[in-house]
Amino acid sequence: MCFLIISITFSISRLDSPKKIAGKDRKTVSNGCGAFGYMINFDELELYGFNKCCEKHDKCYSICRESKKKCDNDFYFCLKKNCFESFCKELIDFIISLVNNLGCLPYLVSQKNVCVC
């Protein structure tokens, strides 16, 4: 069995305040590509469409009663559509793994902020 090891260098920066993106009925908040106050700028890796996918993913989380699964699946296909380099296929799997393992809290917080009983 062969293992492909990819070393990628990029910066992770602390995001002091979330960026607002206009939503349909209300403003939704995007932190770009990241969570818990940290952001990755995929433009530095020349993966230019990835940042837009992250913003769409955040916006999806901010639609009341939208399922996490649908948002995450749409995110996966958006990343895949913007993958033109061979190394990014493995990177997408890693990103989706992070979303699956760390995305529950950001999803729940977004839902709490937008859903009004």
C-alpha atoms as a PDB file:
ATOM      1  CA  MET A   1       0.000   0.000   0.000  1.00  0.00           C
ATOM      2  CA  CYS A   2       1.324   3.415  -0.941  1.00  0.00           C
ATOM      3  CA  PHE A   3       0.705   6.583   0.975  1.00  0.00           C
ATOM      4  CA  LEU A   4       0.904   9.986  -0.602  1.00  0.00           C
ATOM      5  CA  ILE A   5       2.173  12.612   1.786  1.00  0.00           C
ATOM      6  CA  ILE A   6       1.560  16.188   0.802  1.00  0.00           C
ATOM      7  CA  SER A   7       3.225  19.038   2.576  1.00  0.00           C
ATOM      8  CA  ILE A   8       1.332  22.286   2.205  1.00  0.00           C
ATOM      9  CA  THR A   9       2.410  25.548   3.698  1.00  0.00           C
ATOM     10  CA  PHE A  10      -0.140  28.282   4.208  1.00  0.00           C
ATOM     11  CA  SER A  11      -0.947  30.808   6.832  1.00  0.00           C
ATOM     12  CA  ILE A  12      -3.688  30.521   9.392  1.00  0.00           C
ATOM     13  CA  SER A  13      -4.680  33.860  10.788  1.00  0.00           C
ATOM     14  CA  ARG A  14      -6.793  34.931  13.719  1.00  0.00           C
ATOM     15  CA  LEU A  15     -10.031  36.533  12.615  1.00  0.00           C
ATOM     16  CA  ASP A  16     -11.012  39.326  14.968  1.00  0.00           C
ATOM     17  CA  SER A  17     -14.493  40.040  13.674  1.00  0.00           C
ATOM     18  CA  PRO A  18     -16.743  38.083  11.328  1.00  0.00           C
ATOM     19  CA  LYS A  19     -17.460  39.394   7.850  1.00  0.00           C
ATOM     20  CA  LYS A  20     -21.098  40.085   7.065  1.00  0.00           C
ATOM     21  CA  ILE A  21     -22.627  38.772   3.850  1.00  0.00           C
ATOM     22  CA  ALA A  22     -26.050  39.956   2.755  1.00  0.00           C
ATOM     23  CA  GLY A  23     -28.615  37.172   2.971  1.00  0.00           C
ATOM     24  CA  LYS A  24     -32.123  36.974   1.542  1.00  0.00           C
ATOM     25  CA  ASP A  25     -34.101  38.159   4.555  1.00  0.00           C
ATOM     26  CA  ARG A  26     -31.381  38.954   7.036  1.00  0.00           C
ATOM     27  CA  LYS A  27     -27.657  39.300   7.251  1.00  0.00           C
ATOM     28  CA  THR A  28     -25.674  36.112   7.535  1.00  0.00           C
ATOM     29  CA  VAL A  29     -22.196  35.923   8.946  1.00  0.00           C
ATOM     30  CA  SER A  30     -19.202  34.276   7.317  1.00  0.00           C
ATOM     31  CA  ASN A  31     -15.789  33.748   8.810  1.00  0.00           C
ATOM     32  CA  GLY A  32     -14.367  32.767   5.449  1.00  0.00           C
ATOM     33  CA  CYS A  33     -12.686  29.378   5.532  1.00  0.00           C
ATOM     34  CA  GLY A  34     -12.354  28.530   9.166  1.00  0.00           C
ATOM     35  CA  ALA A  35     -13.967  28.184  12.518  1.00  0.00           C
ATOM     36  CA  PHE A  36     -13.420  29.052  16.151  1.00  0.00           C
ATOM     37  CA  GLY A  37     -11.763  32.360  15.239  1.00  0.00           C
ATOM     38  CA  TYR A  38      -9.182  30.985  12.786  1.00  0.00           C
ATOM     39  CA  MET A  39      -9.237  31.436   9.028  1.00  0.00           C
ATOM     40  CA  ILE A  40      -7.411  29.857   6.086  1.00  0.00           C
ATOM     41  CA  ASN A  41      -7.029  31.888   2.899  1.00  0.00           C
ATOM     42  CA  PHE A  42      -7.040  29.378   0.043  1.00  0.00           C
ATOM     43  CA  ASP A  43      -6.083  32.078  -2.457  1.00  0.00           C
ATOM     44  CA  GLU A  44      -2.550  31.711  -1.058  1.00  0.00           C
ATOM     45  CA  LEU A  45      -2.574  28.121  -2.395  1.00  0.00           C
ATOM     46  CA  GLU A  46      -3.946  29.320  -5.728  1.00  0.00           C
ATOM     47  CA  LEU A  47      -7.220  27.504  -5.020  1.00  0.00           C
ATOM     48  CA  TYR A  48      -9.216  30.578  -5.878  1.00  0.00           C
ATOM     49  CA  GLY A  49     -12.756  29.168  -5.818  1.00  0.00           C
ATOM     50  CA  PHE A  50     -12.408  27.594  -2.367  1.00  0.00           C
ATOM     51  CA  ASN A  51     -12.961  30.829  -0.412  1.00  0.00           C
ATOM     52  CA  LYS A  52     -16.297  31.414  -2.197  1.00  0.00           C
ATOM     53  CA  CYS A  53     -17.310  27.833  -1.340  1.00  0.00           C
ATOM     54  CA  CYS A  54     -16.594  28.548   2.323  1.00  0.00           C
ATOM     55  CA  GLU A  55     -18.719  31.699   2.230  1.00  0.00           C
ATOM     56  CA  LYS A  56     -21.596  29.786   0.604  1.00  0.00           C
ATOM     57  CA  HIS A  57     -21.218  27.050   3.251  1.00  0.00           C
ATOM     58  CA  ASP A  58     -21.438  29.587   6.078  1.00  0.00           C
ATOM     59  CA  LYS A  59     -24.456  31.195   4.419  1.00  0.00           C
ATOM     60  CA  CYS A  60     -26.117  27.775   4.113  1.00  0.00           C
ATOM     61  CA  TYR A  61     -25.600  27.153   7.842  1.00  0.00           C
ATOM     62  CA  SER A  62     -27.439  30.451   8.397  1.00  0.00           C
ATOM     63  CA  ILE A  63     -30.630  29.345   6.630  1.00  0.00           C
ATOM     64  CA  CYS A  64     -33.168  28.372   9.272  1.00  0.00           C
ATOM     65  CA  ARG A  65     -33.878  24.627   9.308  1.00  0.00           C
ATOM     66  CA  GLU A  66     -31.456  23.917   6.435  1.00  0.00           C
ATOM     67  CA  SER A  67     -29.874  20.555   7.168  1.00  0.00           C
ATOM     68  CA  LYS A  68     -26.198  20.355   8.031  1.00  0.00           C
ATOM     69  CA  LYS A  69     -25.910  17.375   5.690  1.00  0.00           C
ATOM     70  CA  LYS A  70     -27.218  19.381   2.708  1.00  0.00           C
ATOM     71  CA  CYS A  71     -24.907  22.307   3.484  1.00  0.00           C
ATOM     72  CA  ASP A  72     -21.906  20.000   3.844  1.00  0.00           C
ATOM     73  CA  ASN A  73     -22.734  18.091   0.640  1.00  0.00           C
ATOM     74  CA  ASP A  74     -23.122  21.341  -1.313  1.00  0.00           C
ATOM     75  CA  PHE A  75     -19.795  22.497   0.157  1.00  0.00           C
ATOM     76  CA  TYR A  76     -18.082  19.282  -0.954  1.00  0.00           C
ATOM     77  CA  PHE A  77     -19.354  19.583  -4.525  1.00  0.00           C
ATOM     78  CA  CYS A  78     -18.439  23.281  -4.668  1.00  0.00           C
ATOM     79  CA  LEU A  79     -14.870  22.487  -3.602  1.00  0.00           C
ATOM     80  CA  LYS A  80     -14.696  19.612  -6.071  1.00  0.00           C
ATOM     81  CA  LYS A  81     -15.927  21.870  -8.897  1.00  0.00           C
ATOM     82  CA  ASN A  82     -13.074  24.292  -8.129  1.00  0.00           C
ATOM     83  CA  CYS A  83     -10.356  21.641  -7.910  1.00  0.00           C
ATOM     84  CA  PHE A  84      -8.010  21.850 -10.885  1.00  0.00           C
ATOM     85  CA  GLU A  85      -4.791  20.609  -9.257  1.00  0.00           C
ATOM     86  CA  SER A  86      -4.073  16.976  -8.433  1.00  0.00           C
ATOM     87  CA  PHE A  87      -3.161  17.677  -4.794  1.00  0.00           C
ATOM     88  CA  CYS A  88      -6.449  19.378  -4.012  1.00  0.00           C
ATOM     89  CA  LYS A  89      -8.477  16.147  -4.143  1.00  0.00           C
ATOM     90  CA  GLU A  90      -6.726  14.962  -0.976  1.00  0.00           C
ATOM     91  CA  LEU A  91      -7.049  18.438   0.506  1.00  0.00           C
ATOM     92  CA  ILE A  92     -10.819  18.364  -0.081  1.00  0.00           C
ATOM     93  CA  ASP A  93     -11.067  15.050   1.782  1.00  0.00           C
ATOM     94  CA  PHE A  94      -9.153  16.625   4.681  1.00  0.00           C
ATOM     95  CA  ILE A  95     -11.362  19.746   4.682  1.00  0.00           C
ATOM     96  CA  ILE A  96     -14.547  17.657   4.656  1.00  0.00           C
ATOM     97  CA  SER A  97     -13.164  15.557   7.503  1.00  0.00           C
ATOM     98  CA  LEU A  98     -12.674  18.750   9.519  1.00  0.00           C
ATOM     99  CA  VAL A  99     -16.206  19.904   8.694  1.00  0.00           C
ATOM    100  CA  ASN A 100     -17.639  16.520   9.708  1.00  0.00           C
ATOM    101  CA  ASN A 101     -15.708  16.454  12.994  1.00  0.00           C
ATOM    102  CA  LEU A 102     -15.740  20.134  13.990  1.00  0.00           C
ATOM    103  CA  GLY A 103     -18.720  21.618  12.144  1.00  0.00           C
ATOM    104  CA  CYS A 104     -21.534  20.658  14.499  1.00  0.00           C
ATOM    105  CA  LEU A 105     -21.084  23.531  16.942  1.00  0.00           C
ATOM    106  CA  PRO A 106     -20.794  26.256  14.261  1.00  0.00           C
ATOM    107  CA  TYR A 107     -23.897  24.813  12.572  1.00  0.00           C
ATOM    108  CA  LEU A 108     -25.906  24.772  15.811  1.00  0.00           C
ATOM    109  CA  VAL A 109     -24.820  28.314  16.738  1.00  0.00           C
ATOM    110  CA  SER A 110     -25.795  29.596  13.275  1.00  0.00           C
ATOM    111  CA  GLN A 111     -29.169  27.856  13.477  1.00  0.00           C
ATOM    112  CA  LYS A 112     -29.799  29.305  16.936  1.00  0.00           C
ATOM    113  CA  ASN A 113     -28.992  32.795  15.655  1.00  0.00           C
ATOM    114  CA  VAL A 114     -31.338  32.643  12.652  1.00  0.00           C
ATOM    115  CA  CYS A 115     -34.262  30.467  13.706  1.00  0.00           C
ATOM    116  CA  VAL A 116     -36.922  32.326  15.676  1.00  0.00           C
ATOM    117  CA  CYS A 117     -39.771  30.435  17.351  1.00  0.00           C
END
